[in-house]
PDB file of N, CA and C in Angstrom:
ATOM      1  N   MET A   1       7.399  26.214 -28.660  1.00  0.00           N
ATOM      2  CA  MET A   1       8.186  26.162 -27.454  1.00  0.00           C
ATOM      3  C   MET A   1       9.653  26.303 -27.827  1.00  0.00           C
ATOM      4  N   ASN A   2      10.353  27.148 -27.126  1.00  0.00           N
ATOM      5  CA  ASN A   2      11.765  27.320 -27.450  1.00  0.00           C
ATOM      6  C   ASN A   2      12.612  26.269 -26.730  1.00  0.00           C
ATOM      7  N   LYS A   3      13.884  26.243 -27.086  1.00  0.00           N
ATOM      8  CA  LYS A   3      14.798  25.235 -26.576  1.00  0.00           C
ATOM      9  C   LYS A   3      14.949  25.308 -25.052  1.00  0.00           C
ATOM     10  N   GLY A   4      14.963  26.516 -24.492  1.00  0.00           N
ATOM     11  CA  GLY A   4      15.079  26.690 -23.044  1.00  0.00           C
ATOM     12  C   GLY A   4      13.883  26.131 -22.303  1.00  0.00           C
ATOM     13  N   SER A   5      12.709  26.351 -22.850  1.00  0.00           N
ATOM     14  CA  SER A   5      11.485  25.843 -22.224  1.00  0.00           C
ATOM     15  C   SER A   5      11.462  24.320 -22.249  1.00  0.00           C
ATOM     16  N   MET A   6      11.906  23.744 -23.346  1.00  0.00           N
ATOM     17  CA  MET A   6      11.944  22.281 -23.454  1.00  0.00           C
ATOM     18  C   MET A   6      12.925  21.699 -22.436  1.00  0.00           C
ATOM     19  N   GLY A   7      14.070  22.349 -22.299  1.00  0.00           N
ATOM     20  CA  GLY A   7      15.074  21.888 -21.336  1.00  0.00           C
ATOM     21  C   GLY A   7      14.543  21.971 -19.915  1.00  0.00           C
ATOM     22  N   ASN A   8      13.835  23.054 -19.639  1.00  0.00           N
ATOM     23  CA  ASN A   8      13.248  23.249 -18.313  1.00  0.00           C
ATOM     24  C   ASN A   8      12.193  22.174 -18.033  1.00  0.00           C
ATOM     25  N   LEU A   9      11.369  21.898 -19.024  1.00  0.00           N
ATOM     26  CA  LEU A   9      10.331  20.882 -18.896  1.00  0.00           C
ATOM     27  C   LEU A   9      10.962  19.511 -18.657  1.00  0.00           C
ATOM     28  N   PHE A  10      12.034  19.235 -19.362  1.00  0.00           N
ATOM     29  CA  PHE A  10      12.748  17.968 -19.216  1.00  0.00           C
ATOM     30  C   PHE A  10      13.324  17.838 -17.802  1.00  0.00           C
ATOM     31  N   LYS A  11      13.896  18.932 -17.295  1.00  0.00           N
ATOM     32  CA  LYS A  11      14.448  18.913 -15.937  1.00  0.00           C
ATOM     33  C   LYS A  11      13.355  18.675 -14.902  1.00  0.00           C
ATOM     34  N   GLN A  12      12.202  19.286 -15.090  1.00  0.00           N
ATOM     35  CA  GLN A  12      11.095  19.093 -14.166  1.00  0.00           C
ATOM     36  C   GLN A  12      10.612  17.640 -14.200  1.00  0.00           C
ATOM     37  N   ALA A  13      10.571  17.067 -15.381  1.00  0.00           N
ATOM     38  CA  ALA A  13      10.150  15.667 -15.514  1.00  0.00           C
ATOM     39  C   ALA A  13      11.144  14.739 -14.814  1.00  0.00           C
ATOM     40  N   GLN A  14      12.432  15.048 -14.939  1.00  0.00           N
ATOM     41  CA  GLN A  14      13.454  14.239 -14.267  1.00  0.00           C
ATOM     42  C   GLN A  14      13.319  14.346 -12.749  1.00  0.00           C
ATOM     43  N   LYS A  15      13.040  15.560 -12.250  1.00  0.00           N
ATOM     44  CA  LYS A  15      12.852  15.764 -10.811  1.00  0.00           C
ATOM     45  C   LYS A  15      11.665  14.957 -10.312  1.00  0.00           C
ATOM     46  N   MET A  16      10.567  15.012 -11.076  1.00  0.00           N
ATOM     47  CA  MET A  16       9.371  14.284 -10.680  1.00  0.00           C
ATOM     48  C   MET A  16       9.641  12.786 -10.683  1.00  0.00           C
ATOM     49  N   GLN A  17      10.355  12.311 -11.673  1.00  0.00           N
ATOM     50  CA  GLN A  17      10.670  10.884 -11.754  1.00  0.00           C
ATOM     51  C   GLN A  17      11.525  10.463 -10.558  1.00  0.00           C
ATOM     52  N   ALA A  18      12.502  11.272 -10.187  1.00  0.00           N
ATOM     53  CA  ALA A  18      13.347  10.963  -9.036  1.00  0.00           C
ATOM     54  C   ALA A  18      12.520  10.962  -7.747  1.00  0.00           C
ATOM     55  N   ALA A  19      11.628  11.924  -7.616  1.00  0.00           N
ATOM     56  CA  ALA A  19      10.772  11.994  -6.429  1.00  0.00           C
ATOM     57  C   ALA A  19       9.845  10.788  -6.361  1.00  0.00           C
ATOM     58  N   MET A  20       9.319  10.369  -7.512  1.00  0.00           N
ATOM     59  CA  MET A  20       8.450   9.200  -7.538  1.00  0.00           C
ATOM     60  C   MET A  20       9.221   7.945  -7.148  1.00  0.00           C
ATOM     61  N   GLN A  21      10.439   7.830  -7.614  1.00  0.00           N
ATOM     62  CA  GLN A  21      11.275   6.671  -7.283  1.00  0.00           C
ATOM     63  C   GLN A  21      11.548   6.635  -5.780  1.00  0.00           C
ATOM     64  N   LYS A  22      11.873   7.791  -5.207  1.00  0.00           N
ATOM     65  CA  LYS A  22      12.149   7.860  -3.773  1.00  0.00           C
ATOM     66  C   LYS A  22      10.896   7.514  -2.975  1.00  0.00           C
ATOM     67  N   THR A  23       9.750   8.002  -3.413  1.00  0.00           N
ATOM     68  CA  THR A  23       8.492   7.706  -2.737  1.00  0.00           C
ATOM     69  C   THR A  23       8.201   6.212  -2.781  1.00  0.00           C
ATOM     70  N   GLN A  24       8.399   5.595  -3.941  1.00  0.00           N
ATOM     71  CA  GLN A  24       8.182   4.151  -4.054  1.00  0.00           C
ATOM     72  C   GLN A  24       9.089   3.379  -3.106  1.00  0.00           C
ATOM     73  N   GLU A  25      10.330   3.819  -2.982  1.00  0.00           N
ATOM     74  CA  GLU A  25      11.264   3.151  -2.081  1.00  0.00           C
ATOM     75  C   GLU A  25      10.825   3.307  -0.629  1.00  0.00           C
ATOM     76  N   ASN A  26      10.205   4.436  -0.298  1.00  0.00           N
ATOM     77  CA  ASN A  26       9.772   4.696   1.070  1.00  0.00           C
ATOM     78  C   ASN A  26       8.457   4.017   1.431  1.00  0.00           C
ATOM     79  N   LEU A  27       7.757   3.446   0.460  1.00  0.00           N
ATOM     80  CA  LEU A  27       6.485   2.790   0.739  1.00  0.00           C
ATOM     81  C   LEU A  27       6.640   1.633   1.726  1.00  0.00           C
ATOM     82  N   VAL A  28       7.816   1.030   1.774  1.00  0.00           N
ATOM     83  CA  VAL A  28       8.031  -0.084   2.704  1.00  0.00           C
ATOM     84  C   VAL A  28       7.979   0.382   4.160  1.00  0.00           C
ATOM     85  N   ASN A  29       8.147   1.675   4.392  1.00  0.00           N
ATOM     86  CA  ASN A  29       8.145   2.206   5.757  1.00  0.00           C
ATOM     87  C   ASN A  29       6.762   2.622   6.245  1.00  0.00           C
ATOM     88  N   ILE A  30       5.770   2.582   5.376  1.00  0.00           N
ATOM     89  CA  ILE A  30       4.406   2.975   5.746  1.00  0.00           C
ATOM     90  C   ILE A  30       3.617   1.711   6.040  1.00  0.00           C
ATOM     91  N   GLN A  31       3.132   1.582   7.275  1.00  0.00           N
ATOM     92  CA  GLN A  31       2.411   0.381   7.665  1.00  0.00           C
ATOM     93  C   GLN A  31       0.920   0.652   7.842  1.00  0.00           C
ATOM     94  N   VAL A  32       0.124  -0.327   7.450  1.00  0.00           N
ATOM     95  CA  VAL A  32      -1.329  -0.282   7.617  1.00  0.00           C
ATOM     96  C   VAL A  32      -1.772  -1.621   8.205  1.00  0.00           C
ATOM     97  N   GLU A  33      -2.966  -1.620   8.798  1.00  0.00           N
ATOM     98  CA  GLU A  33      -3.496  -2.851   9.370  1.00  0.00           C
ATOM     99  C   GLU A  33      -4.860  -3.174   8.794  1.00  0.00           C
ATOM    100  N   GLY A  34      -5.096  -4.451   8.663  1.00  0.00           N
ATOM    101  CA  GLY A  34      -6.415  -4.951   8.311  1.00  0.00           C
ATOM    102  C   GLY A  34      -6.842  -5.892   9.417  1.00  0.00           C
ATOM    103  N   THR A  35      -8.117  -5.827   9.801  1.00  0.00           N
ATOM    104  CA  THR A  35      -8.596  -6.708  10.861  1.00  0.00           C
ATOM    105  C   THR A  35      -9.886  -7.392  10.431  1.00  0.00           C
ATOM    106  N   SER A  36     -10.181  -8.477  11.115  1.00  0.00           N
ATOM    107  CA  SER A  36     -11.450  -9.165  10.905  1.00  0.00           C
ATOM    108  C   SER A  36     -11.824  -9.861  12.203  1.00  0.00           C
ATOM    109  N   GLY A  37     -13.066 -10.286  12.255  1.00  0.00           N
ATOM    110  CA  GLY A  37     -13.529 -10.980  13.449  1.00  0.00           C
ATOM    111  C   GLY A  37     -13.484 -10.101  14.683  1.00  0.00           C
ATOM    112  N   GLY A  38     -13.772  -8.811  14.504  1.00  0.00           N
ATOM    113  CA  GLY A  38     -13.746  -7.901  15.641  1.00  0.00           C
ATOM    114  C   GLY A  38     -12.364  -7.748  16.245  1.00  0.00           C
ATOM    115  N   GLY A  39     -11.333  -7.864  15.402  1.00  0.00           N
ATOM    116  CA  GLY A  39      -9.959  -7.711  15.880  1.00  0.00           C
ATOM    117  C   GLY A  39      -9.310  -9.031  16.274  1.00  0.00           C
ATOM    118  N   MET A  40      -9.994 -10.127  16.029  1.00  0.00           N
ATOM    119  CA  MET A  40      -9.428 -11.440  16.373  1.00  0.00           C
ATOM    120  C   MET A  40      -8.255 -11.800  15.455  1.00  0.00           C
ATOM    121  N   VAL A  41      -8.287 -11.269  14.234  1.00  0.00           N
ATOM    122  CA  VAL A  41      -7.187 -11.462  13.288  1.00  0.00           C
ATOM    123  C   VAL A  41      -6.740 -10.081  12.819  1.00  0.00           C
ATOM    124  N   THR A  42      -5.458  -9.828  12.945  1.00  0.00           N
ATOM    125  CA  THR A  42      -4.892  -8.555  12.509  1.00  0.00           C
ATOM    126  C   THR A  42      -3.729  -8.831  11.563  1.00  0.00           C
ATOM    127  N   VAL A  43      -3.774  -8.180  10.405  1.00  0.00           N
ATOM    128  CA  VAL A  43      -2.709  -8.319   9.413  1.00  0.00           C
ATOM    129  C   VAL A  43      -2.079  -6.950   9.222  1.00  0.00           C
ATOM    130  N   THR A  44      -0.762  -6.898   9.315  1.00  0.00           N
ATOM    131  CA  THR A  44      -0.021  -5.665   9.079  1.00  0.00           C
ATOM    132  C   THR A  44       0.690  -5.790   7.739  1.00  0.00           C
ATOM    133  N   ALA A  45       0.527  -4.768   6.916  1.00  0.00           N
ATOM    134  CA  ALA A  45       1.178  -4.727   5.598  1.00  0.00           C
ATOM    135  C   ALA A  45       1.846  -3.367   5.454  1.00  0.00           C
ATOM    136  N   ASN A  46       2.739  -3.265   4.482  1.00  0.00           N
ATOM    137  CA  ASN A  46       3.295  -1.947   4.180  1.00  0.00           C
ATOM    138  C   ASN A  46       2.679  -1.451   2.874  1.00  0.00           C
ATOM    139  N   ALA A  47       2.922  -0.187   2.575  1.00  0.00           N
ATOM    140  CA  ALA A  47       2.321   0.415   1.384  1.00  0.00           C
ATOM    141  C   ALA A  47       2.938  -0.117   0.087  1.00  0.00           C
ATOM    142  N   ALA A  48       3.991  -0.925   0.214  1.00  0.00           N
ATOM    143  CA  ALA A  48       4.549  -1.609  -0.953  1.00  0.00           C
ATOM    144  C   ALA A  48       3.825  -2.934  -1.171  1.00  0.00           C
ATOM    145  N   GLN A  49       2.743  -3.129  -0.406  1.00  0.00           N
ATOM    146  CA  GLN A  49       1.876  -4.293  -0.523  1.00  0.00           C
ATOM    147  C   GLN A  49       2.559  -5.599  -0.147  1.00  0.00           C
ATOM    148  N   GLU A  50       3.374  -5.534   0.897  1.00  0.00           N
ATOM    149  CA  GLU A  50       4.000  -6.725   1.457  1.00  0.00           C
ATOM    150  C   GLU A  50       3.379  -6.981   2.823  1.00  0.00           C
ATOM    151  N   ILE A  51       3.034  -8.217   3.109  1.00  0.00           N
ATOM    152  CA  ILE A  51       2.508  -8.585   4.414  1.00  0.00           C
ATOM    153  C   ILE A  51       3.684  -8.647   5.384  1.00  0.00           C
ATOM    154  N   ILE A  52       3.563  -7.929   6.495  1.00  0.00           N
ATOM    155  CA  ILE A  52       4.637  -7.871   7.486  1.00  0.00           C
ATOM    156  C   ILE A  52       4.377  -8.858   8.619  1.00  0.00           C
ATOM    157  N   SER A  53       3.120  -8.901   9.079  1.00  0.00           N
ATOM    158  CA  SER A  53       2.810  -9.825  10.169  1.00  0.00           C
ATOM    159  C   SER A  53       1.329 -10.181  10.170  1.00  0.00           C
ATOM    160  N   ILE A  54       1.048 -11.313  10.805  1.00  0.00           N
ATOM    161  CA  ILE A  54      -0.325 -11.765  11.014  1.00  0.00           C
ATOM    162  C   ILE A  54      -0.428 -12.168  12.481  1.00  0.00           C
ATOM    163  N   ALA A  55      -1.407 -11.585  13.179  1.00  0.00           N
ATOM    164  CA  ALA A  55      -1.639 -11.932  14.579  1.00  0.00           C
ATOM    165  C   ALA A  55      -3.029 -12.544  14.700  1.00  0.00           C
ATOM    166  N   ILE A  56      -3.090 -13.706  15.337  1.00  0.00           N
ATOM    167  CA  ILE A  56      -4.355 -14.421  15.500  1.00  0.00           C
ATOM    168  C   ILE A  56      -4.591 -14.644  16.991  1.00  0.00           C
ATOM    169  N   ASP A  57      -5.726 -14.162  17.465  1.00  0.00           N
ATOM    170  CA  ASP A  57      -6.107 -14.369  18.866  1.00  0.00           C
ATOM    171  C   ASP A  57      -6.328 -15.871  19.080  1.00  0.00           C
ATOM    172  N   PRO A  58      -5.708 -16.452  20.101  1.00  0.00           N
ATOM    173  CA  PRO A  58      -5.851 -17.895  20.344  1.00  0.00           C
ATOM    174  C   PRO A  58      -7.304 -18.342  20.500  1.00  0.00           C
ATOM    175  N   GLU A  59      -8.162 -17.420  20.916  1.00  0.00           N
ATOM    176  CA  GLU A  59      -9.573 -17.736  21.104  1.00  0.00           C
ATOM    177  C   GLU A  59     -10.266 -18.168  19.805  1.00  0.00           C
ATOM    178  N   VAL A  60      -9.759 -17.697  18.677  1.00  0.00           N
ATOM    179  CA  VAL A  60     -10.395 -17.984  17.392  1.00  0.00           C
ATOM    180  C   VAL A  60      -9.849 -19.265  16.752  1.00  0.00           C
ATOM    181  N   ILE A  61      -8.850 -19.868  17.381  1.00  0.00           N
ATOM    182  CA  ILE A  61      -8.249 -21.085  16.826  1.00  0.00           C
ATOM    183  C   ILE A  61      -9.039 -22.300  17.304  1.00  0.00           C
ATOM    184  N   ASP A  62      -9.808 -22.857  16.387  1.00  0.00           N
ATOM    185  CA  ASP A  62     -10.627 -24.037  16.667  1.00  0.00           C
ATOM    186  C   ASP A  62     -10.337 -25.065  15.577  1.00  0.00           C
ATOM    187  N   PRO A  63      -9.643 -26.147  15.939  1.00  0.00           N
ATOM    188  CA  PRO A  63      -9.313 -27.158  14.927  1.00  0.00           C
ATOM    189  C   PRO A  63     -10.538 -27.716  14.209  1.00  0.00           C
ATOM    190  N   GLN A  64     -11.699 -27.630  14.840  1.00  0.00           N
ATOM    191  CA  GLN A  64     -12.924 -28.137  14.237  1.00  0.00           C
ATOM    192  C   GLN A  64     -13.523 -27.150  13.220  1.00  0.00           C
ATOM    193  N   ASP A  65     -13.050 -25.914  13.241  1.00  0.00           N
ATOM    194  CA  ASP A  65     -13.612 -24.890  12.345  1.00  0.00           C
ATOM    195  C   ASP A  65     -12.490 -24.117  11.651  1.00  0.00           C
ATOM    196  N   ARG A  66     -11.653 -24.855  10.965  1.00  0.00           N
ATOM    197  CA  ARG A  66     -10.519 -24.274  10.257  1.00  0.00           C
ATOM    198  C   ARG A  66     -10.965 -23.274   9.194  1.00  0.00           C
ATOM    199  N   GLU A  67     -12.086 -23.542   8.533  1.00  0.00           N
ATOM    200  CA  GLU A  67     -12.572 -22.664   7.466  1.00  0.00           C
ATOM    201  C   GLU A  67     -12.875 -21.258   7.965  1.00  0.00           C
ATOM    202  N   MET A  68     -13.424 -21.144   9.177  1.00  0.00           N
ATOM    203  CA  MET A  68     -13.722 -19.828   9.727  1.00  0.00           C
ATOM    204  C   MET A  68     -12.426 -19.031   9.903  1.00  0.00           C
ATOM    205  N   LEU A  69     -11.400 -19.671  10.444  1.00  0.00           N
ATOM    206  CA  LEU A  69     -10.119 -18.986  10.639  1.00  0.00           C
ATOM    207  C   LEU A  69      -9.519 -18.584   9.297  1.00  0.00           C
ATOM    208  N   GLU A  70      -9.595 -19.458   8.321  1.00  0.00           N
ATOM    209  CA  GLU A  70      -9.085 -19.139   6.988  1.00  0.00           C
ATOM    210  C   GLU A  70      -9.817 -17.930   6.406  1.00  0.00           C
ATOM    211  N   ASP A  71     -11.139 -17.890   6.577  1.00  0.00           N
ATOM    212  CA  ASP A  71     -11.924 -16.752   6.088  1.00  0.00           C
ATOM    213  C   ASP A  71     -11.532 -15.455   6.789  1.00  0.00           C
ATOM    214  N   LEU A  72     -11.319 -15.532   8.106  1.00  0.00           N
ATOM    215  CA  LEU A  72     -10.928 -14.341   8.865  1.00  0.00           C
ATOM    216  C   LEU A  72      -9.561 -13.821   8.410  1.00  0.00           C
ATOM    217  N   VAL A  73      -8.628 -14.748   8.204  1.00  0.00           N
ATOM    218  CA  VAL A  73      -7.289 -14.349   7.737  1.00  0.00           C
ATOM    219  C   VAL A  73      -7.382 -13.731   6.349  1.00  0.00           C
ATOM    220  N   LEU A  74      -8.135 -14.361   5.479  1.00  0.00           N
ATOM    221  CA  LEU A  74      -8.296 -13.837   4.119  1.00  0.00           C
ATOM    222  C   LEU A  74      -8.903 -12.441   4.127  1.00  0.00           C
ATOM    223  N   ALA A  75      -9.942 -12.243   4.934  1.00  0.00           N
ATOM    224  CA  ALA A  75     -10.586 -10.931   5.010  1.00  0.00           C
ATOM    225  C   ALA A  75      -9.618  -9.870   5.536  1.00  0.00           C
ATOM    226  N   ALA A  76      -8.841 -10.206   6.559  1.00  0.00           N
ATOM    227  CA  ALA A  76      -7.894  -9.248   7.125  1.00  0.00           C
ATOM    228  C   ALA A  76      -6.773  -8.921   6.132  1.00  0.00           C
ATOM    229  N   VAL A  77      -6.292  -9.928   5.417  1.00  0.00           N
ATOM    230  CA  VAL A  77      -5.242  -9.709   4.407  1.00  0.00           C
ATOM    231  C   VAL A  77      -5.763  -8.788   3.305  1.00  0.00           C
ATOM    232  N   ASN A  78      -6.952  -9.079   2.807  1.00  0.00           N
ATOM    233  CA  ASN A  78      -7.504  -8.247   1.739  1.00  0.00           C
ATOM    234  C   ASN A  78      -7.722  -6.808   2.198  1.00  0.00           C
ATOM    235  N   GLN A  79      -8.183  -6.630   3.430  1.00  0.00           N
ATOM    236  CA  GLN A  79      -8.377  -5.283   3.951  1.00  0.00           C
ATOM    237  C   GLN A  79      -7.037  -4.550   4.071  1.00  0.00           C
ATOM    238  N   ALA A  80      -6.022  -5.240   4.590  1.00  0.00           N
ATOM    239  CA  ALA A  80      -4.704  -4.622   4.731  1.00  0.00           C
ATOM    240  C   ALA A  80      -4.134  -4.230   3.372  1.00  0.00           C
ATOM    241  N   LEU A  81      -4.259  -5.114   2.385  1.00  0.00           N
ATOM    242  CA  LEU A  81      -3.729  -4.803   1.050  1.00  0.00           C
ATOM    243  C   LEU A  81      -4.503  -3.666   0.395  1.00  0.00           C
ATOM    244  N   ASP A  82      -5.808  -3.605   0.627  1.00  0.00           N
ATOM    245  CA  ASP A  82      -6.607  -2.504   0.097  1.00  0.00           C
ATOM    246  C   ASP A  82      -6.142  -1.175   0.701  1.00  0.00           C
ATOM    247  N   LYS A  83      -5.914  -1.165   2.001  1.00  0.00           N
ATOM    248  CA  LYS A  83      -5.403   0.045   2.662  1.00  0.00           C
ATOM    249  C   LYS A  83      -4.000   0.391   2.154  1.00  0.00           C
ATOM    250  N   ALA A  84      -3.178  -0.629   1.919  1.00  0.00           N
ATOM    251  CA  ALA A  84      -1.819  -0.406   1.423  1.00  0.00           C
ATOM    252  C   ALA A  84      -1.852   0.256   0.047  1.00  0.00           C
ATOM    253  N   ARG A  85      -2.736  -0.229  -0.824  1.00  0.00           N
ATOM    254  CA  ARG A  85      -2.868   0.380  -2.155  1.00  0.00           C
ATOM    255  C   ARG A  85      -3.311   1.838  -2.042  1.00  0.00           C
ATOM    256  N   GLY A  86      -4.268   2.081  -1.153  1.00  0.00           N
ATOM    257  CA  GLY A  86      -4.745   3.452  -0.950  1.00  0.00           C
ATOM    258  C   GLY A  86      -3.649   4.383  -0.465  1.00  0.00           C
ATOM    259  N   ARG A  87      -2.849   3.921   0.490  1.00  0.00           N
ATOM    260  CA  ARG A  87      -1.753   4.751   0.995  1.00  0.00           C
ATOM    261  C   ARG A  87      -0.694   4.982  -0.074  1.00  0.00           C
ATOM    262  N   ALA A  88      -0.409   3.963  -0.875  1.00  0.00           N
ATOM    263  CA  ALA A  88       0.577   4.114  -1.952  1.00  0.00           C
ATOM    264  C   ALA A  88       0.093   5.177  -2.935  1.00  0.00           C
ATOM    265  N   GLN A  89      -1.185   5.136  -3.280  1.00  0.00           N
ATOM    266  CA  GLN A  89      -1.736   6.131  -4.210  1.00  0.00           C
ATOM    267  C   GLN A  89      -1.684   7.527  -3.593  1.00  0.00           C
ATOM    268  N   GLU A  90      -1.982   7.629  -2.294  1.00  0.00           N
ATOM    269  CA  GLU A  90      -1.891   8.928  -1.604  1.00  0.00           C
ATOM    270  C   GLU A  90      -0.483   9.494  -1.695  1.00  0.00           C
ATOM    271  N   GLU A  91       0.504   8.645  -1.386  1.00  0.00           N
ATOM    272  CA  GLU A  91       1.898   9.097  -1.382  1.00  0.00           C
ATOM    273  C   GLU A  91       2.359   9.509  -2.773  1.00  0.00           C
ATOM    274  N   MET A  92       1.984   8.731  -3.783  1.00  0.00           N
ATOM    275  CA  MET A  92       2.382   9.071  -5.145  1.00  0.00           C
ATOM    276  C   MET A  92       1.674  10.346  -5.607  1.00  0.00           C
ATOM    277  N   SER A  93       0.455  10.532  -5.158  1.00  0.00           N
ATOM    278  CA  SER A  93      -0.309  11.718  -5.517  1.00  0.00           C
ATOM    279  C   SER A  93       0.346  12.983  -4.953  1.00  0.00           C
ATOM    280  N   LYS A  94       0.972  12.849  -3.786  1.00  0.00           N
ATOM    281  CA  LYS A  94       1.686  13.986  -3.187  1.00  0.00           C
ATOM    282  C   LYS A  94       2.830  14.436  -4.102  1.00  0.00           C
ATOM    283  N   VAL A  95       3.480  13.469  -4.723  1.00  0.00           N
ATOM    284  CA  VAL A  95       4.614  13.772  -5.596  1.00  0.00           C
ATOM    285  C   VAL A  95       4.162  14.340  -6.930  1.00  0.00           C
ATOM    286  N   THR A  96       3.089  13.758  -7.465  1.00  0.00           N
ATOM    287  CA  THR A  96       2.662  14.134  -8.803  1.00  0.00           C
ATOM    288  C   THR A  96       1.636  15.262  -8.802  1.00  0.00           C
ATOM    289  N   GLY A  97       1.213  15.653  -7.624  1.00  0.00           N
ATOM    290  CA  GLY A  97       0.188  16.699  -7.551  1.00  0.00           C
ATOM    291  C   GLY A  97      -1.158  16.213  -8.049  1.00  0.00           C
ATOM    292  N   GLY A  98      -1.348  14.897  -8.025  1.00  0.00           N
ATOM    293  CA  GLY A  98      -2.624  14.323  -8.453  1.00  0.00           C
ATOM    294  C   GLY A  98      -2.803  14.274  -9.948  1.00  0.00           C
ATOM    295  N   ILE A  99      -1.751  14.563 -10.722  1.00  0.00           N
ATOM    296  CA  ILE A  99      -1.911  14.573 -12.175  1.00  0.00           C
ATOM    297  C   ILE A  99      -1.821  13.205 -12.814  1.00  0.00           C
ATOM    298  N   MET A 100      -1.352  12.230 -12.043  1.00  0.00           N
ATOM    299  CA  MET A 100      -1.210  10.889 -12.606  1.00  0.00           C
ATOM    300  C   MET A 100      -2.469  10.093 -12.339  1.00  0.00           C
ATOM    301  N   PRO A 101      -2.873   9.262 -13.285  1.00  0.00           N
ATOM    302  CA  PRO A 101      -4.046   8.416 -13.085  1.00  0.00           C
ATOM    303  C   PRO A 101      -3.730   7.304 -12.087  1.00  0.00           C
ATOM    304  N   ASN A 102      -4.745   6.575 -11.702  1.00  0.00           N
ATOM    305  CA  ASN A 102      -4.580   5.428 -10.816  1.00  0.00           C
ATOM    306  C   ASN A 102      -3.715   4.394 -11.546  1.00  0.00           C
ATOM    307  N   LEU A 103      -2.528   4.171 -11.030  1.00  0.00           N
ATOM    308  CA  LEU A 103      -1.604   3.248 -11.691  1.00  0.00           C
ATOM    309  C   LEU A 103      -1.644   1.882 -11.029  1.00  0.00           C
ATOM    310  N   PRO A 104      -2.013   0.847 -11.779  1.00  0.00           N
ATOM    311  CA  PRO A 104      -2.016  -0.498 -11.205  1.00  0.00           C
ATOM    312  C   PRO A 104      -0.614  -0.889 -10.774  1.00  0.00           C
ATOM    313  N   GLY A 105      -0.532  -1.628  -9.705  1.00  0.00           N
ATOM    314  CA  GLY A 105       0.761  -2.110  -9.250  1.00  0.00           C
ATOM    315  C   GLY A 105       1.469  -1.173  -8.314  1.00  0.00           C
ATOM    316  N   LEU A 106       0.903  -0.010  -8.062  1.00  0.00           N
ATOM    317  CA  LEU A 106       1.521   0.916  -7.108  1.00  0.00           C
ATOM    318  C   LEU A 106       0.834   0.803  -5.788  1.00  0.00           C
TER     319      LEU A 106
END
């Protein structure tokens, strides 16, 4: 490989790195929802894997059955975070053209 080709390759790598950084910064603007209990609990997260909100239908709030509500919230949170990870991978794949492996933490 000659010096010009190496320089060109380096520039392309820098462009890709900048695009990946911008995409990561934009993940906070992509929202996904996880639900459980037939929509009784809804959790909204962003693709940066931050929980934005939790909505609980008052009908599911029973002081005598706190464990059921906890399970519903947990299921909705896990679903939302799973969707958030998937969207983050989709967005990063757009930048990298799918050449990057599944990166933990993205």
